[in-house]
PDB file of N, CA and C in Angstrom:
ATOM      1  N   MET A   1       0.838  -1.143  -0.012  1.00  0.00           N
ATOM      2  CA  MET A   1      -0.029   0.012   0.037  1.00  0.00           C
ATOM      3  C   MET A   1       0.775   1.297  -0.042  1.00  0.00           C
ATOM      4  N   TYR A   2       0.470   2.190  -0.790  1.00  0.00           N
ATOM      5  CA  TYR A   2       1.359   3.457  -0.871  1.00  0.00           C
ATOM      6  C   TYR A   2       0.735   4.579   0.027  1.00  0.00           C
ATOM      7  N   VAL A   3       1.471   5.097   0.845  1.00  0.00           N
ATOM      8  CA  VAL A   3       1.047   6.079   1.693  1.00  0.00           C
ATOM      9  C   VAL A   3       1.776   7.314   1.503  1.00  0.00           C
ATOM     10  N   ARG A   4       1.149   8.479   1.125  1.00  0.00           N
ATOM     11  CA  ARG A   4       1.891   9.660   0.821  1.00  0.00           C
ATOM     12  C   ARG A   4       2.039  10.558   2.043  1.00  0.00           C
ATOM     13  N   ASP A   5       3.265  10.966   2.207  1.00  0.00           N
ATOM     14  CA  ASP A   5       3.552  11.905   3.279  1.00  0.00           C
ATOM     15  C   ASP A   5       2.780  13.053   3.231  1.00  0.00           C
ATOM     16  N   MET A   6       1.694  13.277   4.089  1.00  0.00           N
ATOM     17  CA  MET A   6       0.802  14.475   3.998  1.00  0.00           C
ATOM     18  C   MET A   6       1.534  15.778   4.263  1.00  0.00           C
ATOM     19  N   GLU A   7       2.597  15.749   5.040  1.00  0.00           N
ATOM     20  CA  GLU A   7       3.296  16.929   5.435  1.00  0.00           C
ATOM     21  C   GLU A   7       3.824  17.720   4.061  1.00  0.00           C
ATOM     22  N   PHE A   8       4.169  16.937   3.189  1.00  0.00           N
ATOM     23  CA  PHE A   8       4.724  17.544   1.909  1.00  0.00           C
ATOM     24  C   PHE A   8       3.818  17.479   0.801  1.00  0.00           C
ATOM     25  N   THR A   9       2.526  17.399   0.933  1.00  0.00           N
ATOM     26  CA  THR A   9       1.537  17.442  -0.086  1.00  0.00           C
ATOM     27  C   THR A   9       1.127  18.905  -0.362  1.00  0.00           C
ATOM     28  N   ASP A  10       1.426  19.499  -1.593  1.00  0.00           N
ATOM     29  CA  ASP A  10       1.168  20.805  -1.851  1.00  0.00           C
ATOM     30  C   ASP A  10      -0.405  20.823  -2.367  1.00  0.00           C
ATOM     31  N   SER A  11      -0.808  22.012  -2.447  1.00  0.00           N
ATOM     32  CA  SER A  11      -2.238  22.259  -2.966  1.00  0.00           C
ATOM     33  C   SER A  11      -2.247  22.073  -4.377  1.00  0.00           C
ATOM     34  N   LEU A  12      -3.419  21.823  -4.958  1.00  0.00           N
ATOM     35  CA  LEU A  12      -3.712  21.674  -6.277  1.00  0.00           C
ATOM     36  C   LEU A  12      -3.481  22.944  -6.956  1.00  0.00           C
ATOM     37  N   TRP A  13      -3.792  24.042  -6.113  1.00  0.00           N
ATOM     38  CA  TRP A  13      -3.728  25.402  -6.838  1.00  0.00           C
ATOM     39  C   TRP A  13      -2.455  26.126  -6.146  1.00  0.00           C
ATOM     40  N   PRO A  14      -1.323  25.997  -6.794  1.00  0.00           N
ATOM     41  CA  PRO A  14      -0.136  26.512  -6.175  1.00  0.00           C
ATOM     42  C   PRO A  14      -0.262  28.041  -6.036  1.00  0.00           C
ATOM     43  N   GLN A  15      -1.048  28.737  -6.808  1.00  0.00           N
ATOM     44  CA  GLN A  15      -1.137  30.234  -6.540  1.00  0.00           C
ATOM     45  C   GLN A  15      -1.667  30.674  -5.253  1.00  0.00           C
ATOM     46  N   GLN A  16      -2.308  29.721  -4.634  1.00  0.00           N
ATOM     47  CA  GLN A  16      -2.813  30.044  -3.307  1.00  0.00           C
ATOM     48  C   GLN A  16      -1.783  29.714  -2.232  1.00  0.00           C
ATOM     49  N   SER A  17      -0.852  28.775  -2.550  1.00  0.00           N
ATOM     50  CA  SER A  17       0.252  28.477  -1.666  1.00  0.00           C
ATOM     51  C   SER A  17      -0.244  27.889  -0.392  1.00  0.00           C
ATOM     52  N   ARG A  18      -1.282  27.020  -0.367  1.00  0.00           N
ATOM     53  CA  ARG A  18      -1.672  26.474   0.872  1.00  0.00           C
ATOM     54  C   ARG A  18      -1.453  24.932   0.860  1.00  0.00           C
ATOM     55  N   ARG A  19      -1.114  24.474   1.878  1.00  0.00           N
ATOM     56  CA  ARG A  19      -0.987  22.910   1.788  1.00  0.00           C
ATOM     57  C   ARG A  19      -2.281  22.196   2.068  1.00  0.00           C
ATOM     58  N   PHE A  20      -2.392  20.985   1.354  1.00  0.00           N
ATOM     59  CA  PHE A  20      -3.524  20.135   1.436  1.00  0.00           C
ATOM     60  C   PHE A  20      -3.838  19.845   3.000  1.00  0.00           C
ATOM     61  N   ALA A  21      -2.870  19.382   3.586  1.00  0.00           N
ATOM     62  CA  ALA A  21      -3.002  19.036   5.115  1.00  0.00           C
ATOM     63  C   ALA A  21      -1.714  19.526   5.688  1.00  0.00           C
ATOM     64  N   ALA A  22      -1.876  20.129   6.841  1.00  0.00           N
ATOM     65  CA  ALA A  22      -0.730  20.795   7.522  1.00  0.00           C
ATOM     66  C   ALA A  22      -1.082  20.843   9.013  1.00  0.00           C
ATOM     67  N   GLY A  23      -0.107  21.133   9.761  1.00  0.00           N
ATOM     68  CA  GLY A  23      -0.298  21.271  11.146  1.00  0.00           C
ATOM     69  C   GLY A  23      -0.400  19.998  11.926  1.00  0.00           C
ATOM     70  N   LEU A  24      -1.195  20.014  13.068  1.00  0.00           N
ATOM     71  CA  LEU A  24      -1.471  18.851  13.794  1.00  0.00           C
ATOM     72  C   LEU A  24      -1.855  17.556  13.082  1.00  0.00           C
ATOM     73  N   PHE A  25      -2.855  17.784  12.090  1.00  0.00           N
ATOM     74  CA  PHE A  25      -3.291  16.575  11.470  1.00  0.00           C
ATOM     75  C   PHE A  25      -2.110  15.918  10.579  1.00  0.00           C
ATOM     76  N   ALA A  26      -1.359  16.717   9.966  1.00  0.00           N
ATOM     77  CA  ALA A  26      -0.249  16.193   9.189  1.00  0.00           C
ATOM     78  C   ALA A  26       0.738  15.435  10.043  1.00  0.00           C
ATOM     79  N   SER A  27       1.167  16.085  11.130  1.00  0.00           N
ATOM     80  CA  SER A  27       2.127  15.452  11.904  1.00  0.00           C
ATOM     81  C   SER A  27       1.660  14.265  12.659  1.00  0.00           C
ATOM     82  N   VAL A  28       0.393  14.100  12.892  1.00  0.00           N
ATOM     83  CA  VAL A  28      -0.169  12.892  13.523  1.00  0.00           C
ATOM     84  C   VAL A  28      -0.230  11.798  12.466  1.00  0.00           C
ATOM     85  N   SER A  29      -0.549  12.215  11.191  1.00  0.00           N
ATOM     86  CA  SER A  29      -0.665  11.235  10.192  1.00  0.00           C
ATOM     87  C   SER A  29       0.816  10.735   9.844  1.00  0.00           C
ATOM     88  N   ARG A  30       1.766  11.486   9.921  1.00  0.00           N
ATOM     89  CA  ARG A  30       3.060  11.098   9.668  1.00  0.00           C
ATOM     90  C   ARG A  30       3.666  10.228  10.787  1.00  0.00           C
ATOM     91  N   LEU A  31       3.364  10.557  12.005  1.00  0.00           N
ATOM     92  CA  LEU A  31       3.772   9.789  13.058  1.00  0.00           C
ATOM     93  C   LEU A  31       3.043   8.473  13.122  1.00  0.00           C
ATOM     94  N   SER A  32       1.805   8.241  12.811  1.00  0.00           N
ATOM     95  CA  SER A  32       1.139   6.976  12.667  1.00  0.00           C
ATOM     96  C   SER A  32       1.599   6.186  11.615  1.00  0.00           C
ATOM     97  N   HIS A  33       2.125   6.719  10.542  1.00  0.00           N
ATOM     98  CA  HIS A  33       2.737   6.092   9.463  1.00  0.00           C
ATOM     99  C   HIS A  33       4.187   5.433   9.926  1.00  0.00           C
ATOM    100  N   MET A  34       4.840   6.287  10.564  1.00  0.00           N
ATOM    101  CA  MET A  34       6.132   5.828  11.140  1.00  0.00           C
ATOM    102  C   MET A  34       6.074   4.746  12.092  1.00  0.00           C
ATOM    103  N   ILE A  35       5.076   4.781  12.991  1.00  0.00           N
ATOM    104  CA  ILE A  35       4.858   3.768  14.062  1.00  0.00           C
ATOM    105  C   ILE A  35       4.488   2.426  13.258  1.00  0.00           C
ATOM    106  N   ASN A  36       3.568   2.400  12.172  1.00  0.00           N
ATOM    107  CA  ASN A  36       3.300   1.359  11.489  1.00  0.00           C
ATOM    108  C   ASN A  36       4.453   0.655  10.744  1.00  0.00           C
ATOM    109  N   GLU A  37       5.425   1.593  10.296  1.00  0.00           N
ATOM    110  CA  GLU A  37       6.710   1.048   9.668  1.00  0.00           C
ATOM    111  C   GLU A  37       7.609   0.421  10.644  1.00  0.00           C
ATOM    112  N   PHE A  38       7.633   0.865  11.862  1.00  0.00           N
ATOM    113  CA  PHE A  38       8.474   0.419  12.956  1.00  0.00           C
ATOM    114  C   PHE A  38       8.017  -0.913  13.302  1.00  0.00           C
ATOM    115  N   GLU A  39       6.643  -1.050  13.430  1.00  0.00           N
ATOM    116  CA  GLU A  39       6.076  -2.331  13.742  1.00  0.00           C
ATOM    117  C   GLU A  39       6.293  -3.324  12.746  1.00  0.00           C
ATOM    118  N   ARG A  40       6.219  -2.893  11.519  1.00  0.00           N
ATOM    119  CA  ARG A  40       6.398  -3.823  10.352  1.00  0.00           C
ATOM    120  C   ARG A  40       7.816  -4.347  10.341  1.00  0.00           C
ATOM    121  N   ALA A  41       8.769  -3.429  10.727  1.00  0.00           N
ATOM    122  CA  ALA A  41      10.113  -3.882  10.671  1.00  0.00           C
ATOM    123  C   ALA A  41      10.357  -5.077  11.656  1.00  0.00           C
ATOM    124  N   LEU A  42       9.456  -5.245  12.681  1.00  0.00           N
ATOM    125  CA  LEU A  42       9.599  -6.357  13.533  1.00  0.00           C
ATOM    126  C   LEU A  42       9.128  -7.722  13.072  1.00  0.00           C
ATOM    127  N   ARG A  43       8.539  -7.649  11.887  1.00  0.00           N
ATOM    128  CA  ARG A  43       8.000  -8.918  11.290  1.00  0.00           C
ATOM    129  C   ARG A  43       8.982  -9.986  11.405  1.00  0.00           C
ATOM    130  N   GLY A  44       8.422 -11.218  11.846  1.00  0.00           N
ATOM    131  CA  GLY A  44       9.355 -12.439  11.891  1.00  0.00           C
ATOM    132  C   GLY A  44      10.083 -12.581  13.158  1.00  0.00           C
ATOM    133  N   THR A  45      10.147 -11.551  14.108  1.00  0.00           N
ATOM    134  CA  THR A  45      10.814 -11.775  15.380  1.00  0.00           C
ATOM    135  C   THR A  45       9.721 -12.429  16.274  1.00  0.00           C
ATOM    136  N   LEU A  46      10.257 -13.073  17.244  1.00  0.00           N
ATOM    137  CA  LEU A  46       9.404 -13.829  18.186  1.00  0.00           C
ATOM    138  C   LEU A  46       8.635 -12.821  18.941  1.00  0.00           C
ATOM    139  N   PRO A  47       7.154 -13.077  19.178  1.00  0.00           N
ATOM    140  CA  PRO A  47       6.323 -12.167  19.738  1.00  0.00           C
ATOM    141  C   PRO A  47       6.776 -11.856  21.303  1.00  0.00           C
ATOM    142  N   VAL A  48       7.302 -12.906  21.857  1.00  0.00           N
ATOM    143  CA  VAL A  48       7.826 -12.770  23.326  1.00  0.00           C
ATOM    144  C   VAL A  48       8.877 -11.703  23.377  1.00  0.00           C
ATOM    145  N   ASP A  49       9.858 -11.728  22.445  1.00  0.00           N
ATOM    146  CA  ASP A  49      10.898 -10.711  22.477  1.00  0.00           C
ATOM    147  C   ASP A  49      10.474  -9.370  22.088  1.00  0.00           C
ATOM    148  N   ALA A  50       9.517  -9.239  21.091  1.00  0.00           N
ATOM    149  CA  ALA A  50       9.025  -7.967  20.401  1.00  0.00           C
ATOM    150  C   ALA A  50       7.960  -7.270  21.313  1.00  0.00           C
ATOM    151  N   ARG A  51       7.440  -7.967  22.205  1.00  0.00           N
ATOM    152  CA  ARG A  51       6.287  -7.449  23.013  1.00  0.00           C
ATOM    153  C   ARG A  51       6.614  -5.990  23.671  1.00  0.00           C
ATOM    154  N   ASP A  52       7.712  -5.958  24.392  1.00  0.00           N
ATOM    155  CA  ASP A  52       8.084  -4.653  25.171  1.00  0.00           C
ATOM    156  C   ASP A  52       8.453  -3.599  24.164  1.00  0.00           C
ATOM    157  N   LEU A  53       9.104  -3.917  23.146  1.00  0.00           N
ATOM    158  CA  LEU A  53       9.532  -3.086  22.137  1.00  0.00           C
ATOM    159  C   LEU A  53       8.319  -2.434  21.427  1.00  0.00           C
ATOM    160  N   CYS A  54       7.324  -3.238  21.085  1.00  0.00           N
ATOM    161  CA  CYS A  54       6.109  -2.910  20.341  1.00  0.00           C
ATOM    162  C   CYS A  54       5.505  -1.943  21.236  1.00  0.00           C
ATOM    163  N   ALA A  55       5.350  -2.098  22.607  1.00  0.00           N
ATOM    164  CA  ALA A  55       4.681  -1.226  23.441  1.00  0.00           C
ATOM    165  C   ALA A  55       5.339   0.107  23.489  1.00  0.00           C
ATOM    166  N   ARG A  56       6.707   0.105  23.447  1.00  0.00           N
ATOM    167  CA  ARG A  56       7.345   1.435  23.491  1.00  0.00           C
ATOM    168  C   ARG A  56       7.334   2.071  22.038  1.00  0.00           C
ATOM    169  N   ILE A  57       7.120   1.346  20.879  1.00  0.00           N
ATOM    170  CA  ILE A  57       7.046   2.036  19.697  1.00  0.00           C
ATOM    171  C   ILE A  57       5.537   2.575  19.703  1.00  0.00           C
ATOM    172  N   ARG A  58       4.564   1.960  20.194  1.00  0.00           N
ATOM    173  CA  ARG A  58       3.186   2.514  20.132  1.00  0.00           C
ATOM    174  C   ARG A  58       2.925   3.690  21.116  1.00  0.00           C
ATOM    175  N   SER A  59       3.869   3.721  22.181  1.00  0.00           N
ATOM    176  CA  SER A  59       3.722   4.935  23.007  1.00  0.00           C
ATOM    177  C   SER A  59       4.536   6.140  22.533  1.00  0.00           C
ATOM    178  N   ALA A  60       5.213   6.044  21.445  1.00  0.00           N
ATOM    179  CA  ALA A  60       6.011   7.121  20.957  1.00  0.00           C
ATOM    180  C   ALA A  60       5.012   8.358  20.627  1.00  0.00           C
ATOM    181  N   ARG A  61       5.527   9.524  21.003  1.00  0.00           N
ATOM    182  CA  ARG A  61       4.677  10.727  20.842  1.00  0.00           C
ATOM    183  C   ARG A  61       5.253  11.598  19.726  1.00  0.00           C
ATOM    184  N   THR A  62       6.387  11.393  19.347  1.00  0.00           N
ATOM    185  CA  THR A  62       7.242  12.361  18.378  1.00  0.00           C
ATOM    186  C   THR A  62       8.133  11.376  17.585  1.00  0.00           C
ATOM    187  N   PRO A  63       8.518  11.925  16.325  1.00  0.00           N
ATOM    188  CA  PRO A  63       9.424  11.136  15.625  1.00  0.00           C
ATOM    189  C   PRO A  63      10.779  10.919  16.339  1.00  0.00           C
ATOM    190  N   LEU A  64      11.178  11.781  17.366  1.00  0.00           N
ATOM    191  CA  LEU A  64      12.368  11.678  18.073  1.00  0.00           C
ATOM    192  C   LEU A  64      12.431  10.461  18.954  1.00  0.00           C
ATOM    193  N   ASP A  65      11.103  10.107  19.521  1.00  0.00           N
ATOM    194  CA  ASP A  65      10.960   9.027  20.203  1.00  0.00           C
ATOM    195  C   ASP A  65      11.339   7.727  19.508  1.00  0.00           C
ATOM    196  N   LEU A  66      10.850   7.766  18.340  1.00  0.00           N
ATOM    197  CA  LEU A  66      11.101   6.632  17.325  1.00  0.00           C
ATOM    198  C   LEU A  66      12.523   6.562  16.935  1.00  0.00           C
ATOM    199  N   TRP A  67      13.047   7.688  16.779  1.00  0.00           N
ATOM    200  CA  TRP A  67      14.477   7.683  16.424  1.00  0.00           C
ATOM    201  C   TRP A  67      15.406   6.969  17.403  1.00  0.00           C
ATOM    202  N   ASP A  68      15.154   7.121  18.737  1.00  0.00           N
ATOM    203  CA  ASP A  68      15.841   6.431  19.689  1.00  0.00           C
ATOM    204  C   ASP A  68      15.535   4.915  19.781  1.00  0.00           C
ATOM    205  N   LEU A  69      14.472   4.375  19.137  1.00  0.00           N
ATOM    206  CA  LEU A  69      14.285   3.004  19.219  1.00  0.00           C
ATOM    207  C   LEU A  69      14.786   2.256  18.035  1.00  0.00           C
ATOM    208  N   ARG A  70      15.456   2.896  17.099  1.00  0.00           N
ATOM    209  CA  ARG A  70      15.915   2.254  15.747  1.00  0.00           C
ATOM    210  C   ARG A  70      16.935   1.212  16.212  1.00  0.00           C
ATOM    211  N   THR A  71      17.787   1.493  17.135  1.00  0.00           N
ATOM    212  CA  THR A  71      18.822   0.594  17.465  1.00  0.00           C
ATOM    213  C   THR A  71      18.288  -0.694  18.122  1.00  0.00           C
ATOM    214  N   ASP A  72      17.219  -0.453  18.974  1.00  0.00           N
ATOM    215  CA  ASP A  72      16.563  -1.649  19.549  1.00  0.00           C
ATOM    216  C   ASP A  72      15.929  -2.427  18.607  1.00  0.00           C
ATOM    217  N   VAL A  73      15.310  -1.919  17.502  1.00  0.00           N
ATOM    218  CA  VAL A  73      14.682  -2.795  16.478  1.00  0.00           C
ATOM    219  C   VAL A  73      15.769  -3.415  15.703  1.00  0.00           C
ATOM    220  N   HIS A  74      17.030  -2.703  15.405  1.00  0.00           N
ATOM    221  CA  HIS A  74      18.096  -3.354  14.732  1.00  0.00           C
ATOM    222  C   HIS A  74      18.613  -4.560  15.725  1.00  0.00           C
ATOM    223  N   ASP A  75      18.841  -4.415  16.880  1.00  0.00           N
ATOM    224  CA  ASP A  75      19.357  -5.550  17.649  1.00  0.00           C
ATOM    225  C   ASP A  75      18.414  -6.746  17.754  1.00  0.00           C
ATOM    226  N   LEU A  76      17.028  -6.452  17.899  1.00  0.00           N
ATOM    227  CA  LEU A  76      16.122  -7.606  17.827  1.00  0.00           C
ATOM    228  C   LEU A  76      16.030  -8.318  16.617  1.00  0.00           C
ATOM    229  N   VAL A  77      16.045  -7.568  15.449  1.00  0.00           N
ATOM    230  CA  VAL A  77      16.144  -8.311  14.102  1.00  0.00           C
ATOM    231  C   VAL A  77      17.346  -9.020  13.891  1.00  0.00           C
ATOM    232  N   ARG A  78      18.517  -8.445  14.396  1.00  0.00           N
ATOM    233  CA  ARG A  78      19.684  -9.129  14.257  1.00  0.00           C
ATOM    234  C   ARG A  78      19.727 -10.526  14.829  1.00  0.00           C
ATOM    235  N   LYS A  79      19.127 -10.524  16.204  1.00  0.00           N
ATOM    236  CA  LYS A  79      19.157 -11.872  16.849  1.00  0.00           C
ATOM    237  C   LYS A  79      18.123 -12.807  16.149  1.00  0.00           C
ATOM    238  N   ALA A  80      17.042 -12.222  15.595  1.00  0.00           N
ATOM    239  CA  ALA A  80      16.032 -13.204  15.053  1.00  0.00           C
ATOM    240  C   ALA A  80      16.638 -13.714  13.650  1.00  0.00           C
ATOM    241  N   PHE A  81      17.228 -12.887  12.848  1.00  0.00           N
ATOM    242  CA  PHE A  81      17.677 -13.152  11.618  1.00  0.00           C
ATOM    243  C   PHE A  81      19.156 -13.147  11.397  1.00  0.00           C
ATOM    244  N   ASP A  82      19.707 -12.105  10.817  1.00  0.00           N
ATOM    245  CA  ASP A  82      21.154 -11.971  10.620  1.00  0.00           C
ATOM    246  C   ASP A  82      21.402 -10.447  10.567  1.00  0.00           C
ATOM    247  N   PRO A  83      22.654 -10.066  10.578  1.00  0.00           N
ATOM    248  CA  PRO A  83      23.006  -8.648  10.391  1.00  0.00           C
ATOM    249  C   PRO A  83      22.653  -7.910   9.299  1.00  0.00           C
ATOM    250  N   TRP A  84      22.718  -8.756   8.138  1.00  0.00           N
ATOM    251  CA  TRP A  84      22.409  -8.104   6.817  1.00  0.00           C
ATOM    252  C   TRP A  84      20.792  -7.676   6.874  1.00  0.00           C
ATOM    253  N   GLU A  85      20.022  -8.552   7.349  1.00  0.00           N
ATOM    254  CA  GLU A  85      18.607  -8.226   7.297  1.00  0.00           C
ATOM    255  C   GLU A  85      18.263  -7.124   8.341  1.00  0.00           C
ATOM    256  N   ALA A  86      19.107  -7.115   9.460  1.00  0.00           N
ATOM    257  CA  ALA A  86      18.908  -6.058  10.472  1.00  0.00           C
ATOM    258  C   ALA A  86      19.378  -4.670   9.711  1.00  0.00           C
ATOM    259  N   ARG A  87      20.440  -4.634   8.984  1.00  0.00           N
ATOM    260  CA  ARG A  87      20.845  -3.427   8.367  1.00  0.00           C
ATOM    261  C   ARG A  87      19.963  -2.957   7.358  1.00  0.00           C
ATOM    262  N   VAL A  88      19.318  -3.885   6.571  1.00  0.00           N
ATOM    263  CA  VAL A  88      18.321  -3.523   5.496  1.00  0.00           C
ATOM    264  C   VAL A  88      17.145  -2.871   6.164  1.00  0.00           C
ATOM    265  N   ARG A  89      16.610  -3.520   7.345  1.00  0.00           N
ATOM    266  CA  ARG A  89      15.535  -2.909   7.931  1.00  0.00           C
ATOM    267  C   ARG A  89      15.719  -1.480   8.654  1.00  0.00           C
ATOM    268  N   LEU A  90      16.989  -1.476   9.169  1.00  0.00           N
ATOM    269  CA  LEU A  90      17.260  -0.171   9.766  1.00  0.00           C
ATOM    270  C   LEU A  90      17.519   0.985   8.600  1.00  0.00           C
ATOM    271  N   ASP A  91      18.064   0.561   7.513  1.00  0.00           N
ATOM    272  CA  ASP A  91      18.022   1.639   6.447  1.00  0.00           C
ATOM    273  C   ASP A  91      16.662   1.942   5.963  1.00  0.00           C
ATOM    274  N   ASP A  92      15.705   1.089   5.917  1.00  0.00           N
ATOM    275  CA  ASP A  92      14.309   1.416   5.692  1.00  0.00           C
ATOM    276  C   ASP A  92      13.755   2.429   6.673  1.00  0.00           C
ATOM    277  N   LEU A  93      14.029   2.128   7.948  1.00  0.00           N
ATOM    278  CA  LEU A  93      13.612   3.055   8.927  1.00  0.00           C
ATOM    279  C   LEU A  93      14.288   4.289   8.823  1.00  0.00           C
ATOM    280  N   ASN A  94      15.507   4.389   8.553  1.00  0.00           N
ATOM    281  CA  ASN A  94      16.171   5.799   8.505  1.00  0.00           C
ATOM    282  C   ASN A  94      15.511   6.500   7.326  1.00  0.00           C
ATOM    283  N   CYS A  95      15.030   5.967   6.335  1.00  0.00           N
ATOM    284  CA  CYS A  95      14.426   6.706   5.289  1.00  0.00           C
ATOM    285  C   CYS A  95      13.218   7.498   5.639  1.00  0.00           C
ATOM    286  N   LEU A  96      12.639   7.063   6.810  1.00  0.00           N
ATOM    287  CA  LEU A  96      11.388   7.768   7.296  1.00  0.00           C
ATOM    288  C   LEU A  96      11.645   9.208   7.888  1.00  0.00           C
ATOM    289  N   PHE A  97      12.879   9.361   8.267  1.00  0.00           N
ATOM    290  CA  PHE A  97      13.247  10.532   8.986  1.00  0.00           C
ATOM    291  C   PHE A  97      13.738  11.526   7.850  1.00  0.00           C
ATOM    292  N   ASP A  98      13.632  12.910   8.204  1.00  0.00           N
ATOM    293  CA  ASP A  98      14.025  14.047   7.329  1.00  0.00           C
ATOM    294  C   ASP A  98      15.569  13.976   7.275  1.00  0.00           C
ATOM    295  N   PRO A  99      16.131  14.216   6.190  1.00  0.00           N
ATOM    296  CA  PRO A  99      17.618  14.219   6.083  1.00  0.00           C
ATOM    297  C   PRO A  99      18.069  15.516   6.911  1.00  0.00           C
ATOM    298  N   PRO A 100      19.333  15.411   7.409  1.00  0.00           N
ATOM    299  CA  PRO A 100      19.692  16.553   8.243  1.00  0.00           C
ATOM    300  C   PRO A 100      19.978  17.860   7.260  1.00  0.00           C
ATOM    301  N   ARG A 101      19.644  18.993   7.726  1.00  0.00           N
ATOM    302  CA  ARG A 101      19.829  20.175   6.990  1.00  0.00           C
ATOM    303  C   ARG A 101      21.248  20.619   7.152  1.00  0.00           C
ATOM    304  N   SER A 102      21.722  21.260   6.041  1.00  0.00           N
ATOM    305  CA  SER A 102      23.034  21.748   6.224  1.00  0.00           C
ATOM    306  C   SER A 102      22.955  23.122   6.934  1.00  0.00           C
ATOM    307  N   ARG A 103      24.023  23.334   7.663  1.00  0.00           N
ATOM    308  CA  ARG A 103      23.967  24.540   8.539  1.00  0.00           C
ATOM    309  C   ARG A 103      24.740  25.671   7.768  1.00  0.00           C
ATOM    310  N   GLY A 104      25.034  25.521   6.583  1.00  0.00           N
ATOM    311  CA  GLY A 104      25.677  26.618   5.815  1.00  0.00           C
ATOM    312  C   GLY A 104      27.185  26.690   6.135  1.00  0.00           C
ATOM    313  N   VAL A 105      27.819  27.612   5.420  1.00  0.00           N
ATOM    314  CA  VAL A 105      29.244  27.618   5.501  1.00  0.00           C
ATOM    315  C   VAL A 105      29.595  28.628   6.595  1.00  0.00           C
ATOM    316  N   LEU A 106      30.493  28.042   7.498  1.00  0.00           N
ATOM    317  CA  LEU A 106      30.839  29.008   8.599  1.00  0.00           C
ATOM    318  C   LEU A 106      32.099  29.805   7.937  1.00  0.00           C
ATOM    319  N   SER A 107      32.024  31.129   8.259  1.00  0.00           N
ATOM    320  CA  SER A 107      33.051  31.920   7.659  1.00  0.00           C
ATOM    321  C   SER A 107      34.278  31.867   8.608  1.00  0.00           C
ATOM    322  N   ALA A 108      35.564  31.660   7.978  1.00  0.00           N
ATOM    323  CA  ALA A 108      36.673  31.575   8.692  1.00  0.00           C
ATOM    324  C   ALA A 108      37.147  33.186   8.981  1.00  0.00           C
ATOM    325  N   GLY A 109      37.034  33.444  10.131  1.00  0.00           N
ATOM    326  CA  GLY A 109      37.279  34.903  10.462  1.00  0.00           C
ATOM    327  C   GLY A 109      38.310  35.158  11.407  1.00  0.00           C
TER     328      GLY A 109
END
C-alpha cells in the first residue's frame, strides 16, 4: 500500500500556496505512518521478544521518540535473523526521517 507523506503534499492550486494538510493533522498522520513502519520492521521476530519493544513503539509521541528506538529494532532483528537483514530494515527506517539540513558555510574569520 502506498502512503503519501501528508506533510509535503502541496495544494492543487499553487497560486494560493496552501498545503492540503498541515499542522497537527499532518504530523499525527506522519507519526502513525512511522509507527506502522517500525512495527512492520519487527515482522518475523518472536512475539515474546518484541512485546516490550512494540509497546514502546506504540507509546511514541514524536518522531524523536522513534529515532531512539531504531537501534533496539536493529538488535532484535539481528538476533532473530542476521546482521544483513537487520541493516536492511534499519536503512528502511532511516528513510522515514528527514535528512539533516546543512548549517551553511561557517566563515573563517
